[in-house]
């Protein structure tokens, strides 16, 4: 199994930016993560 490039606290920090109004596309480009991955992180957080 592949290990994540981001630790749990880093993922939560990225998701916090999403909560403050940043778009998924912006964060995807900024952190070089796919849109699908961001949506998966968001789903798992809930």
PDB file of N, CA and C in Angstrom:
ATOM      1  N   UNK A   1       0.839  -1.179   0.000  1.00  0.00           N
ATOM      2  CA  UNK A   1       0.000   0.000   0.000  1.00  0.00           C
ATOM      3  C   UNK A   1       0.885   1.244   0.000  1.00  0.00           C
ATOM      4  N   UNK A   2       0.506   2.227  -0.819  1.00  0.00           N
ATOM      5  CA  UNK A   2       1.267   3.475  -0.882  1.00  0.00           C
ATOM      6  C   UNK A   2       1.035   4.322   0.351  1.00  0.00           C
ATOM      7  N   UNK A   3       2.076   4.987   0.758  1.00  0.00           N
ATOM      8  CA  UNK A   3       1.918   5.923   1.867  1.00  0.00           C
ATOM      9  C   UNK A   3       1.555   7.292   1.302  1.00  0.00           C
ATOM     10  N   UNK A   4       0.828   8.040   2.065  1.00  0.00           N
ATOM     11  CA  UNK A   4       0.387   9.357   1.629  1.00  0.00           C
ATOM     12  C   UNK A   4       1.536  10.356   1.687  1.00  0.00           C
ATOM     13  N   UNK A   5       1.508  11.275   0.761  1.00  0.00           N
ATOM     14  CA  UNK A   5       2.490  12.347   0.740  1.00  0.00           C
ATOM     15  C   UNK A   5       2.184  13.363   1.848  1.00  0.00           C
ATOM     16  N   UNK A   6       0.940  13.352   2.334  1.00  0.00           N
ATOM     17  CA  UNK A   6       0.499  14.282   3.362  1.00  0.00           C
ATOM     18  C   UNK A   6       0.139  13.537   4.636  1.00  0.00           C
ATOM     19  N   UNK A   7       0.577  14.063   5.757  1.00  0.00           N
ATOM     20  CA  UNK A   7       0.197  13.491   7.052  1.00  0.00           C
ATOM     21  C   UNK A   7      -1.222  13.941   7.384  1.00  0.00           C
ATOM     22  N   UNK A   8      -1.806  13.281   8.361  1.00  0.00           N
ATOM     23  CA  UNK A   8      -3.198  13.571   8.712  1.00  0.00           C
ATOM     24  C   UNK A   8      -3.409  15.039   9.064  1.00  0.00           C
ATOM     25  N   UNK A   9      -2.506  15.613   9.846  1.00  0.00           N
ATOM     26  CA  UNK A   9      -2.678  17.018  10.230  1.00  0.00           C
ATOM     27  C   UNK A   9      -2.552  17.956   9.033  1.00  0.00           C
ATOM     28  N   UNK A  10      -1.721  17.585   8.059  1.00  0.00           N
ATOM     29  CA  UNK A  10      -1.596  18.393   6.844  1.00  0.00           C
ATOM     30  C   UNK A  10      -2.879  18.322   6.018  1.00  0.00           C
ATOM     31  N   UNK A  11      -3.454  17.119   5.928  1.00  0.00           N
ATOM     32  CA  UNK A  11      -4.720  16.964   5.200  1.00  0.00           C
ATOM     33  C   UNK A  11      -5.818  17.794   5.856  1.00  0.00           C
ATOM     34  N   UNK A  12      -5.863  17.778   7.188  1.00  0.00           N
ATOM     35  CA  UNK A  12      -6.881  18.551   7.899  1.00  0.00           C
ATOM     36  C   UNK A  12      -6.684  20.054   7.687  1.00  0.00           C
ATOM     37  N   UNK A  13      -5.448  20.492   7.615  1.00  0.00           N
ATOM     38  CA  UNK A  13      -5.171  21.912   7.367  1.00  0.00           C
ATOM     39  C   UNK A  13      -5.638  22.319   5.967  1.00  0.00           C
ATOM     40  N   UNK A  14      -5.435  21.446   5.000  1.00  0.00           N
ATOM     41  CA  UNK A  14      -5.895  21.715   3.634  1.00  0.00           C
ATOM     42  C   UNK A  14      -7.420  21.766   3.608  1.00  0.00           C
ATOM     43  N   UNK A  15      -8.062  20.833   4.301  1.00  0.00           N
ATOM     44  CA  UNK A  15      -9.527  20.818   4.350  1.00  0.00           C
ATOM     45  C   UNK A  15     -10.069  22.042   5.081  1.00  0.00           C
ATOM     46  N   UNK A  16      -9.321  22.544   6.049  1.00  0.00           N
ATOM     47  CA  UNK A  16      -9.738  23.761   6.753  1.00  0.00           C
ATOM     48  C   UNK A  16      -9.761  24.942   5.784  1.00  0.00           C
ATOM     49  N   UNK A  17      -8.796  24.986   4.872  1.00  0.00           N
ATOM     50  CA  UNK A  17      -8.788  26.042   3.852  1.00  0.00           C
ATOM     51  C   UNK A  17     -10.015  25.916   2.958  1.00  0.00           C
ATOM     52  N   UNK A  18     -10.407  24.685   2.693  1.00  0.00           N
ATOM     53  CA  UNK A  18     -11.605  24.451   1.894  1.00  0.00           C
ATOM     54  C   UNK A  18     -12.830  25.002   2.617  1.00  0.00           C
ATOM     55  N   UNK A  19     -12.865  24.825   3.925  1.00  0.00           N
ATOM     56  CA  UNK A  19     -13.990  25.315   4.730  1.00  0.00           C
ATOM     57  C   UNK A  19     -14.046  26.842   4.787  1.00  0.00           C
ATOM     58  N   UNK A  20     -12.898  27.484   4.623  1.00  0.00           N
ATOM     59  CA  UNK A  20     -12.867  28.949   4.712  1.00  0.00           C
ATOM     60  C   UNK A  20     -13.159  29.620   3.375  1.00  0.00           C
ATOM     61  N   UNK A  21     -13.456  28.828   2.354  1.00  0.00           N
ATOM     62  CA  UNK A  21     -13.883  29.423   1.091  1.00  0.00           C
ATOM     63  C   UNK A  21     -12.996  29.161  -0.103  1.00  0.00           C
ATOM     64  N   UNK A  22     -11.860  28.540   0.067  1.00  0.00           N
ATOM     65  CA  UNK A  22     -11.021  28.206  -1.082  1.00  0.00           C
ATOM     66  C   UNK A  22     -11.723  27.136  -1.907  1.00  0.00           C
ATOM     67  N   UNK A  23     -11.548  27.199  -3.218  1.00  0.00           N
ATOM     68  CA  UNK A  23     -12.202  26.206  -4.065  1.00  0.00           C
ATOM     69  C   UNK A  23     -11.356  24.930  -4.137  1.00  0.00           C
ATOM     70  N   UNK A  24     -12.027  23.853  -4.463  1.00  0.00           N
ATOM     71  CA  UNK A  24     -11.344  22.565  -4.606  1.00  0.00           C
ATOM     72  C   UNK A  24     -10.297  22.662  -5.710  1.00  0.00           C
ATOM     73  N   UNK A  25     -10.640  23.341  -6.795  1.00  0.00           N
ATOM     74  CA  UNK A  25      -9.693  23.469  -7.906  1.00  0.00           C
ATOM     75  C   UNK A  25      -8.449  24.255  -7.506  1.00  0.00           C
ATOM     76  N   UNK A  26      -8.630  25.325  -6.745  1.00  0.00           N
ATOM     77  CA  UNK A  26      -7.478  26.117  -6.281  1.00  0.00           C
ATOM     78  C   UNK A  26      -6.550  25.269  -5.423  1.00  0.00           C
ATOM     79  N   UNK A  27      -7.133  24.563  -4.462  1.00  0.00           N
ATOM     80  CA  UNK A  27      -6.326  23.746  -3.556  1.00  0.00           C
ATOM     81  C   UNK A  27      -5.661  22.593  -4.291  1.00  0.00           C
ATOM     82  N   UNK A  28      -6.359  22.051  -5.267  1.00  0.00           N
ATOM     83  CA  UNK A  28      -5.799  20.968  -6.070  1.00  0.00           C
ATOM     84  C   UNK A  28      -4.516  21.425  -6.763  1.00  0.00           C
ATOM     85  N   UNK A  29      -4.576  22.596  -7.357  1.00  0.00           N
ATOM     86  CA  UNK A  29      -3.387  23.133  -8.036  1.00  0.00           C
ATOM     87  C   UNK A  29      -2.291  23.504  -7.040  1.00  0.00           C
ATOM     88  N   UNK A  30      -2.678  24.144  -5.951  1.00  0.00           N
ATOM     89  CA  UNK A  30      -1.700  24.620  -4.967  1.00  0.00           C
ATOM     90  C   UNK A  30      -0.910  23.471  -4.342  1.00  0.00           C
ATOM     91  N   UNK A  31      -1.596  22.379  -4.021  1.00  0.00           N
ATOM     92  CA  UNK A  31      -0.946  21.270  -3.318  1.00  0.00           C
ATOM     93  C   UNK A  31      -0.637  20.077  -4.221  1.00  0.00           C
ATOM     94  N   UNK A  32      -0.922  20.217  -5.512  1.00  0.00           N
ATOM     95  CA  UNK A  32      -0.661  19.158  -6.492  1.00  0.00           C
ATOM     96  C   UNK A  32      -1.316  17.840  -6.082  1.00  0.00           C
ATOM     97  N   UNK A  33      -2.609  17.945  -5.776  1.00  0.00           N
ATOM     98  CA  UNK A  33      -3.431  16.801  -5.395  1.00  0.00           C
ATOM     99  C   UNK A  33      -4.632  16.804  -6.329  1.00  0.00           C
ATOM    100  N   UNK A  34      -5.087  15.637  -6.728  1.00  0.00           N
ATOM    101  CA  UNK A  34      -6.235  15.597  -7.627  1.00  0.00           C
ATOM    102  C   UNK A  34      -7.502  16.052  -6.914  1.00  0.00           C
ATOM    103  N   UNK A  35      -8.440  16.524  -7.703  1.00  0.00           N
ATOM    104  CA  UNK A  35      -9.739  16.943  -7.174  1.00  0.00           C
ATOM    105  C   UNK A  35     -10.414  15.756  -6.497  1.00  0.00           C
ATOM    106  N   UNK A  36     -10.306  14.585  -7.110  1.00  0.00           N
ATOM    107  CA  UNK A  36     -10.915  13.375  -6.544  1.00  0.00           C
ATOM    108  C   UNK A  36     -10.338  13.063  -5.169  1.00  0.00           C
ATOM    109  N   UNK A  37      -9.044  13.252  -5.005  1.00  0.00           N
ATOM    110  CA  UNK A  37      -8.407  12.992  -3.711  1.00  0.00           C
ATOM    111  C   UNK A  37      -8.933  13.952  -2.652  1.00  0.00           C
ATOM    112  N   UNK A  38      -9.083  15.222  -3.008  1.00  0.00           N
ATOM    113  CA  UNK A  38      -9.619  16.195  -2.051  1.00  0.00           C
ATOM    114  C   UNK A  38     -11.038  15.825  -1.633  1.00  0.00           C
ATOM    115  N   UNK A  39     -11.847  15.397  -2.595  1.00  0.00           N
ATOM    116  CA  UNK A  39     -13.211  14.981  -2.263  1.00  0.00           C
ATOM    117  C   UNK A  39     -13.204  13.736  -1.372  1.00  0.00           C
ATOM    118  N   UNK A  40     -12.266  12.832  -1.621  1.00  0.00           N
ATOM    119  CA  UNK A  40     -12.162  11.623  -0.793  1.00  0.00           C
ATOM    120  C   UNK A  40     -11.778  11.987   0.640  1.00  0.00           C
ATOM    121  N   UNK A  41     -10.824  12.893   0.806  1.00  0.00           N
ATOM    122  CA  UNK A  41     -10.429  13.339   2.145  1.00  0.00           C
ATOM    123  C   UNK A  41     -11.620  13.974   2.857  1.00  0.00           C
ATOM    124  N   UNK A  42     -12.366  14.783   2.120  1.00  0.00           N
ATOM    125  CA  UNK A  42     -13.521  15.463   2.705  1.00  0.00           C
ATOM    126  C   UNK A  42     -14.569  14.450   3.168  1.00  0.00           C
ATOM    127  N   UNK A  43     -14.823  13.445   2.348  1.00  0.00           N
ATOM    128  CA  UNK A  43     -15.786  12.398   2.704  1.00  0.00           C
ATOM    129  C   UNK A  43     -15.338  11.623   3.929  1.00  0.00           C
ATOM    130  N   UNK A  44     -14.059  11.278   3.998  1.00  0.00           N
ATOM    131  CA  UNK A  44     -13.535  10.506   5.130  1.00  0.00           C
ATOM    132  C   UNK A  44     -13.565  11.311   6.423  1.00  0.00           C
ATOM    133  N   UNK A  45     -13.412  12.633   6.317  1.00  0.00           N
ATOM    134  CA  UNK A  45     -13.408  13.493   7.503  1.00  0.00           C
ATOM    135  C   UNK A  45     -14.774  13.519   8.175  1.00  0.00           C
ATOM    136  N   UNK A  46     -15.824  13.405   7.398  1.00  0.00           N
ATOM    137  CA  UNK A  46     -17.176  13.498   7.954  1.00  0.00           C
ATOM    138  C   UNK A  46     -17.511  12.275   8.667  1.00  0.00           C
TER     139      UNK A  46
END
